[in-house]
Amino acid sequence: MARTKETSRKSIGGKEPCKQIAIKGAWKLDPTTGGVKMQHRFSLKIIALREIRR
């Protein structure tokens, strides 16, 4: 049997807002991060391509 396309559905009400306040507060107090920003690292592919271009 042939596959049919999915028909669009009318949304009723919309999405419930996320409770971000509690999440952000817990993230700031998280002791595992220690407030140290991790260094940005390029992927190995990008580094290899950069060396080839030289």
N, C-alpha and C. Protein backbone atom coordinates (compact mmCIF):
# COMPACT_ATOMS: atom_id res chain seq x y z
N MET A 1 0.84 -1.18 0.00
CA MET A 1 0.00 0.00 0.00
C MET A 1 0.89 1.25 0.00
N ALA A 2 0.48 2.26 -0.75
CA ALA A 2 1.28 3.48 -0.87
C ALA A 2 1.25 4.28 0.42
N ARG A 3 2.38 4.90 0.71
CA ARG A 3 2.45 5.73 1.91
C ARG A 3 1.78 7.07 1.66
N THR A 4 1.16 7.58 2.70
CA THR A 4 0.47 8.87 2.56
C THR A 4 1.21 9.93 3.35
N LYS A 5 1.03 11.19 2.92
CA LYS A 5 1.65 12.29 3.62
C LYS A 5 0.90 12.57 4.91
N GLU A 6 1.63 13.05 5.90
CA GLU A 6 1.02 13.36 7.19
C GLU A 6 0.34 14.72 7.10
N THR A 7 -0.93 14.77 7.48
CA THR A 7 -1.66 16.03 7.41
C THR A 7 -1.32 16.91 8.60
N SER A 8 -1.36 18.22 8.38
CA SER A 8 -1.03 19.14 9.46
C SER A 8 -2.17 19.19 10.47
N ARG A 9 -1.80 19.34 11.74
CA ARG A 9 -2.80 19.39 12.80
C ARG A 9 -2.83 20.78 13.39
N LYS A 10 -4.01 21.24 13.72
CA LYS A 10 -4.15 22.56 14.31
C LYS A 10 -3.81 22.47 15.80
N SER A 11 -2.88 23.34 16.24
CA SER A 11 -2.48 23.30 17.65
C SER A 11 -3.53 24.00 18.50
N ILE A 12 -3.75 23.47 19.67
CA ILE A 12 -4.74 24.04 20.58
C ILE A 12 -4.02 24.46 21.85
N GLY A 13 -3.94 25.75 22.10
CA GLY A 13 -3.38 26.23 23.36
C GLY A 13 -1.90 26.54 23.29
N GLY A 14 -1.10 25.72 22.68
CA GLY A 14 0.33 25.93 22.61
C GLY A 14 1.07 25.15 23.68
N LYS A 15 2.37 25.40 23.76
CA LYS A 15 3.22 24.67 24.70
C LYS A 15 3.20 25.33 26.07
N GLU A 16 3.46 24.51 27.07
CA GLU A 16 3.57 25.01 28.43
C GLU A 16 4.97 25.60 28.61
N PRO A 17 5.10 26.76 29.24
CA PRO A 17 6.43 27.35 29.40
C PRO A 17 7.32 26.51 30.32
N CYS A 18 8.58 26.45 29.99
CA CYS A 18 9.53 25.68 30.80
C CYS A 18 9.81 26.40 32.11
N LYS A 19 10.10 25.63 33.13
CA LYS A 19 10.43 26.22 34.43
C LYS A 19 11.94 26.45 34.46
N GLN A 20 12.38 27.53 33.82
CA GLN A 20 13.81 27.78 33.67
C GLN A 20 14.41 28.41 34.92
N ILE A 21 13.62 29.08 35.72
CA ILE A 21 14.15 29.79 36.89
C ILE A 21 14.83 28.81 37.84
N ALA A 22 14.16 27.69 38.11
CA ALA A 22 14.71 26.70 39.03
C ALA A 22 15.94 26.03 38.42
N ILE A 23 15.93 25.80 37.11
CA ILE A 23 17.06 25.14 36.45
C ILE A 23 18.28 26.05 36.47
N LYS A 24 18.08 27.35 36.16
CA LYS A 24 19.20 28.28 36.12
C LYS A 24 19.82 28.44 37.50
N GLY A 25 18.98 28.48 38.53
CA GLY A 25 19.49 28.63 39.89
C GLY A 25 20.33 27.43 40.29
N ALA A 26 19.88 26.23 39.93
CA ALA A 26 20.62 25.02 40.28
C ALA A 26 21.93 24.96 39.50
N TRP A 27 21.92 25.48 38.27
CA TRP A 27 23.12 25.43 37.43
C TRP A 27 24.20 26.35 38.00
N LYS A 28 23.80 27.51 38.51
CA LYS A 28 24.77 28.46 39.06
C LYS A 28 25.39 27.92 40.34
N LEU A 29 24.63 27.15 41.10
CA LEU A 29 25.13 26.63 42.37
C LEU A 29 25.86 25.30 42.22
N ASP A 30 25.92 24.77 41.00
CA ASP A 30 26.50 23.45 40.77
C ASP A 30 27.99 23.47 41.10
N PRO A 31 28.45 22.69 42.10
CA PRO A 31 29.86 22.74 42.49
C PRO A 31 30.79 21.99 41.55
N THR A 32 30.24 21.11 40.68
CA THR A 32 31.10 20.31 39.83
C THR A 32 31.80 21.16 38.77
N THR A 33 31.13 22.23 38.29
CA THR A 33 31.75 23.07 37.27
C THR A 33 32.86 23.90 37.88
N GLY A 34 32.69 24.37 39.09
CA GLY A 34 33.73 25.12 39.78
C GLY A 34 33.96 26.51 39.22
N GLY A 35 33.13 26.94 38.30
CA GLY A 35 33.26 28.28 37.74
C GLY A 35 34.42 28.43 36.77
N VAL A 36 35.03 27.33 36.33
CA VAL A 36 36.15 27.40 35.40
C VAL A 36 35.62 27.15 34.00
N LYS A 37 35.89 28.09 33.10
CA LYS A 37 35.40 27.96 31.73
C LYS A 37 36.30 26.99 30.97
N MET A 38 35.68 26.06 30.25
CA MET A 38 36.46 25.09 29.49
C MET A 38 37.03 25.74 28.24
N GLN A 39 38.23 25.34 27.86
CA GLN A 39 38.91 25.89 26.70
C GLN A 39 38.24 25.36 25.44
N HIS A 40 38.09 26.24 24.43
CA HIS A 40 37.48 25.85 23.16
C HIS A 40 38.46 25.01 22.37
N ARG A 41 38.03 23.86 21.88
CA ARG A 41 38.89 22.99 21.09
C ARG A 41 38.26 22.73 19.75
N PHE A 42 39.05 22.91 18.68
CA PHE A 42 38.58 22.58 17.35
C PHE A 42 38.64 21.07 17.18
N SER A 43 37.76 20.54 16.33
CA SER A 43 37.79 19.10 16.09
C SER A 43 39.02 18.75 15.26
N LEU A 44 39.43 17.51 15.32
CA LEU A 44 40.64 17.08 14.63
C LEU A 44 40.54 17.25 13.12
N LYS A 45 39.32 17.12 12.58
CA LYS A 45 39.13 17.30 11.13
C LYS A 45 39.50 18.71 10.72
N ILE A 46 39.05 19.69 11.49
CA ILE A 46 39.27 21.09 11.16
C ILE A 46 40.76 21.42 11.24
N ILE A 47 41.44 20.88 12.23
CA ILE A 47 42.88 21.12 12.37
C ILE A 47 43.63 20.51 11.20
N ALA A 48 43.24 19.30 10.78
CA ALA A 48 43.90 18.64 9.65
C ALA A 48 43.69 19.42 8.37
N LEU A 49 42.47 19.90 8.13
CA LEU A 49 42.19 20.69 6.93
C LEU A 49 42.98 21.99 6.93
N ARG A 50 43.13 22.58 8.08
CA ARG A 50 43.89 23.83 8.19
C ARG A 50 45.36 23.60 7.85
N GLU A 51 45.90 22.45 8.28
CA GLU A 51 47.30 22.14 7.96
C GLU A 51 47.47 21.85 6.48
N ILE A 52 46.49 21.22 5.85
CA ILE A 52 46.56 20.92 4.41
C ILE A 52 46.56 22.22 3.61
N ARG A 53 45.77 23.19 4.04
CA ARG A 53 45.69 24.46 3.32
C ARG A 53 47.00 25.24 3.35
N ARG A 54 47.83 25.02 4.38
CA ARG A 54 49.10 25.76 4.49
C ARG A 54 50.08 25.41 3.40
